[in-house]
Amino acid sequence: METLSDAEVLSAMTHVLRTMTGNPDLPAPRSVLRSRWHSAPYTRGSYSYVAVGSSGDDIDVLAQPLPEDPRDPR
């Protein structure tokens, strides 16, 4: 996927959406917003997963936005 252009991804995405919805006239998305995890210098293809012993509550905590005030102890 990372080697494809945005136009190629958009075309493939539109085909999948039209096929899955059964609507051949479904309008194409206006744009594509995607990450490039494999080539990003700080991730290099990494992914996240729920570790053994973790719970859904842990995921909820990680999903919280960072505090705007750097003195906030959260």
N, C-alpha and C. Protein backbone atom coordinates (compact mmCIF):
# COMPACT_ATOMS: atom_id res chain seq x y z
N MET A 1 0.81 -1.20 0.00
CA MET A 1 0.00 0.00 0.00
C MET A 1 0.86 1.27 0.00
N GLU A 2 1.96 1.25 0.69
CA GLU A 2 2.77 2.47 0.78
C GLU A 2 3.39 2.86 -0.54
N THR A 3 3.53 1.92 -1.45
CA THR A 3 4.13 2.24 -2.75
C THR A 3 3.11 2.77 -3.74
N LEU A 4 1.83 2.69 -3.40
CA LEU A 4 0.78 3.17 -4.30
C LEU A 4 0.57 4.67 -4.14
N SER A 5 0.14 5.30 -5.21
CA SER A 5 -0.19 6.73 -5.14
C SER A 5 -1.53 6.89 -4.43
N ASP A 6 -1.82 8.11 -4.00
CA ASP A 6 -3.13 8.37 -3.38
C ASP A 6 -4.25 8.06 -4.35
N ALA A 7 -4.06 8.35 -5.64
CA ALA A 7 -5.09 8.07 -6.64
C ALA A 7 -5.35 6.57 -6.75
N GLU A 8 -4.29 5.77 -6.69
CA GLU A 8 -4.47 4.32 -6.76
C GLU A 8 -5.18 3.78 -5.52
N VAL A 9 -4.84 4.29 -4.36
CA VAL A 9 -5.50 3.88 -3.13
C VAL A 9 -6.97 4.29 -3.17
N LEU A 10 -7.24 5.50 -3.61
CA LEU A 10 -8.61 6.00 -3.71
C LEU A 10 -9.43 5.13 -4.65
N SER A 11 -8.87 4.75 -5.77
CA SER A 11 -9.57 3.90 -6.73
C SER A 11 -9.89 2.53 -6.12
N ALA A 12 -8.91 1.93 -5.47
CA ALA A 12 -9.12 0.62 -4.85
C ALA A 12 -10.14 0.71 -3.72
N MET A 13 -10.04 1.77 -2.92
CA MET A 13 -10.97 1.98 -1.82
C MET A 13 -12.40 2.13 -2.33
N THR A 14 -12.56 2.90 -3.40
CA THR A 14 -13.88 3.11 -3.98
C THR A 14 -14.46 1.79 -4.47
N HIS A 15 -13.64 0.98 -5.11
CA HIS A 15 -14.10 -0.33 -5.60
C HIS A 15 -14.57 -1.20 -4.43
N VAL A 16 -13.80 -1.25 -3.36
CA VAL A 16 -14.17 -2.06 -2.20
C VAL A 16 -15.46 -1.55 -1.58
N LEU A 17 -15.58 -0.25 -1.39
CA LEU A 17 -16.79 0.32 -0.79
C LEU A 17 -18.02 0.04 -1.64
N ARG A 18 -17.89 0.19 -2.94
CA ARG A 18 -19.02 -0.08 -3.84
C ARG A 18 -19.41 -1.55 -3.81
N THR A 19 -18.41 -2.42 -3.77
CA THR A 19 -18.68 -3.85 -3.72
C THR A 19 -19.34 -4.23 -2.40
N MET A 20 -18.82 -3.74 -1.29
CA MET A 20 -19.34 -4.10 0.03
C MET A 20 -20.74 -3.55 0.28
N THR A 21 -21.04 -2.37 -0.27
CA THR A 21 -22.36 -1.79 -0.06
C THR A 21 -23.37 -2.24 -1.11
N GLY A 22 -22.87 -2.81 -2.21
CA GLY A 22 -23.76 -3.21 -3.29
C GLY A 22 -24.28 -2.02 -4.09
N ASN A 23 -23.65 -0.87 -3.92
CA ASN A 23 -24.09 0.34 -4.60
C ASN A 23 -23.01 0.77 -5.60
N PRO A 24 -23.20 0.43 -6.89
CA PRO A 24 -22.18 0.79 -7.88
C PRO A 24 -22.10 2.29 -8.15
N ASP A 25 -23.09 3.05 -7.68
CA ASP A 25 -23.10 4.50 -7.90
C ASP A 25 -22.62 5.28 -6.68
N LEU A 26 -22.14 4.59 -5.67
CA LEU A 26 -21.65 5.27 -4.47
C LEU A 26 -20.55 6.24 -4.86
N PRO A 27 -20.65 7.50 -4.46
CA PRO A 27 -19.61 8.47 -4.84
C PRO A 27 -18.26 8.08 -4.23
N ALA A 28 -17.23 8.38 -4.95
CA ALA A 28 -15.87 8.11 -4.45
C ALA A 28 -15.56 9.07 -3.31
N PRO A 29 -14.75 8.64 -2.34
CA PRO A 29 -14.32 9.56 -1.29
C PRO A 29 -13.60 10.76 -1.92
N ARG A 30 -13.68 11.90 -1.27
CA ARG A 30 -13.06 13.12 -1.81
C ARG A 30 -11.55 13.13 -1.68
N SER A 31 -11.06 12.44 -0.67
CA SER A 31 -9.61 12.44 -0.46
C SER A 31 -9.19 11.20 0.33
N VAL A 32 -7.90 11.03 0.42
CA VAL A 32 -7.33 9.91 1.15
C VAL A 32 -6.43 10.46 2.25
N LEU A 33 -6.59 9.96 3.44
CA LEU A 33 -5.69 10.30 4.54
C LEU A 33 -5.18 8.97 5.07
N ARG A 34 -3.90 8.75 4.95
CA ARG A 34 -3.34 7.46 5.36
C ARG A 34 -1.98 7.64 6.00
N SER A 35 -1.62 6.64 6.76
CA SER A 35 -0.29 6.64 7.38
C SER A 35 0.63 5.76 6.56
N ARG A 36 1.89 5.93 6.79
CA ARG A 36 2.91 5.10 6.14
C ARG A 36 3.80 4.51 7.23
N TRP A 37 3.20 3.60 8.01
CA TRP A 37 3.86 3.04 9.18
C TRP A 37 5.17 2.35 8.85
N HIS A 38 5.22 1.65 7.74
CA HIS A 38 6.41 0.88 7.43
C HIS A 38 7.63 1.77 7.19
N SER A 39 7.41 2.90 6.55
CA SER A 39 8.54 3.76 6.22
C SER A 39 8.71 4.95 7.16
N ALA A 40 7.78 5.14 8.09
CA ALA A 40 7.89 6.25 9.04
C ALA A 40 9.10 6.02 9.95
N PRO A 41 9.95 7.03 10.12
CA PRO A 41 11.20 6.83 10.86
C PRO A 41 11.02 6.46 12.33
N TYR A 42 9.89 6.81 12.94
CA TYR A 42 9.71 6.53 14.36
C TYR A 42 8.89 5.28 14.63
N THR A 43 8.34 4.65 13.61
CA THR A 43 7.57 3.43 13.81
C THR A 43 8.16 2.24 13.08
N ARG A 44 8.64 2.45 11.88
CA ARG A 44 9.29 1.42 11.07
C ARG A 44 8.49 0.12 11.02
N GLY A 45 7.19 0.25 10.81
CA GLY A 45 6.36 -0.94 10.64
C GLY A 45 5.83 -1.54 11.93
N SER A 46 6.03 -0.87 13.04
CA SER A 46 5.55 -1.42 14.30
C SER A 46 4.03 -1.34 14.38
N TYR A 47 3.49 -2.04 15.31
CA TYR A 47 2.05 -2.02 15.52
C TYR A 47 1.80 -2.19 17.01
N SER A 48 0.59 -1.89 17.44
CA SER A 48 0.26 -2.05 18.85
C SER A 48 -0.66 -3.24 19.03
N TYR A 49 -0.68 -3.77 20.21
CA TYR A 49 -1.55 -4.88 20.54
C TYR A 49 -1.81 -4.83 22.04
N VAL A 50 -2.83 -5.53 22.47
CA VAL A 50 -3.15 -5.58 23.89
C VAL A 50 -2.26 -6.64 24.52
N ALA A 51 -1.47 -6.24 25.48
CA ALA A 51 -0.54 -7.15 26.14
C ALA A 51 -1.28 -8.10 27.08
N VAL A 52 -0.70 -9.23 27.34
CA VAL A 52 -1.25 -10.17 28.31
C VAL A 52 -1.37 -9.45 29.65
N GLY A 53 -2.52 -9.57 30.27
CA GLY A 53 -2.75 -8.91 31.55
C GLY A 53 -3.36 -7.53 31.43
N SER A 54 -3.46 -7.01 30.21
CA SER A 54 -4.08 -5.70 30.00
C SER A 54 -5.58 -5.88 29.84
N SER A 55 -6.28 -4.78 29.96
CA SER A 55 -7.74 -4.83 29.82
C SER A 55 -8.21 -3.70 28.91
N GLY A 56 -9.49 -3.72 28.63
CA GLY A 56 -10.09 -2.65 27.85
C GLY A 56 -9.95 -1.30 28.53
N ASP A 57 -9.92 -1.31 29.87
CA ASP A 57 -9.74 -0.05 30.60
C ASP A 57 -8.38 0.57 30.29
N ASP A 58 -7.36 -0.28 30.14
CA ASP A 58 -6.02 0.24 29.80
C ASP A 58 -6.04 0.93 28.44
N ILE A 59 -6.76 0.36 27.51
CA ILE A 59 -6.86 0.94 26.17
C ILE A 59 -7.58 2.29 26.25
N ASP A 60 -8.64 2.34 27.06
CA ASP A 60 -9.37 3.60 27.22
C ASP A 60 -8.48 4.69 27.81
N VAL A 61 -7.64 4.34 28.77
CA VAL A 61 -6.73 5.32 29.38
C VAL A 61 -5.74 5.82 28.33
N LEU A 62 -5.19 4.91 27.53
CA LEU A 62 -4.23 5.32 26.50
C LEU A 62 -4.88 6.19 25.43
N ALA A 63 -6.17 6.03 25.22
CA ALA A 63 -6.87 6.78 24.18
C ALA A 63 -7.21 8.21 24.60
N GLN A 64 -7.05 8.52 25.88
CA GLN A 64 -7.36 9.86 26.36
C GLN A 64 -6.37 10.87 25.79
N PRO A 65 -6.84 12.07 25.47
CA PRO A 65 -5.92 13.10 24.96
C PRO A 65 -4.93 13.51 26.05
N LEU A 66 -3.78 13.94 25.60
CA LEU A 66 -2.78 14.43 26.54
C LEU A 66 -3.25 15.75 27.13
N PRO A 67 -2.91 16.03 28.38
CA PRO A 67 -3.34 17.30 28.97
C PRO A 67 -2.66 18.48 28.28
N GLU A 68 -3.39 19.57 28.16
CA GLU A 68 -2.82 20.77 27.54
C GLU A 68 -1.85 21.47 28.49
N ASP A 69 -2.10 21.34 29.77
CA ASP A 69 -1.24 21.98 30.78
C ASP A 69 -0.13 21.00 31.16
N PRO A 70 1.13 21.34 30.92
CA PRO A 70 2.22 20.41 31.24
C PRO A 70 2.35 20.11 32.73
N ARG A 71 1.70 20.92 33.57
CA ARG A 71 1.74 20.67 35.03
C ARG A 71 0.67 19.69 35.47
N ASP A 72 -0.23 19.31 34.54
CA ASP A 72 -1.29 18.35 34.84
C ASP A 72 -0.64 16.98 35.07
N PRO A 73 -0.85 16.36 36.24
CA PRO A 73 -0.15 15.11 36.56
C PRO A 73 -0.69 13.86 35.84
N ARG A 74 -1.73 13.99 35.03
CA ARG A 74 -2.28 12.79 34.38
C ARG A 74 -1.26 12.08 33.55
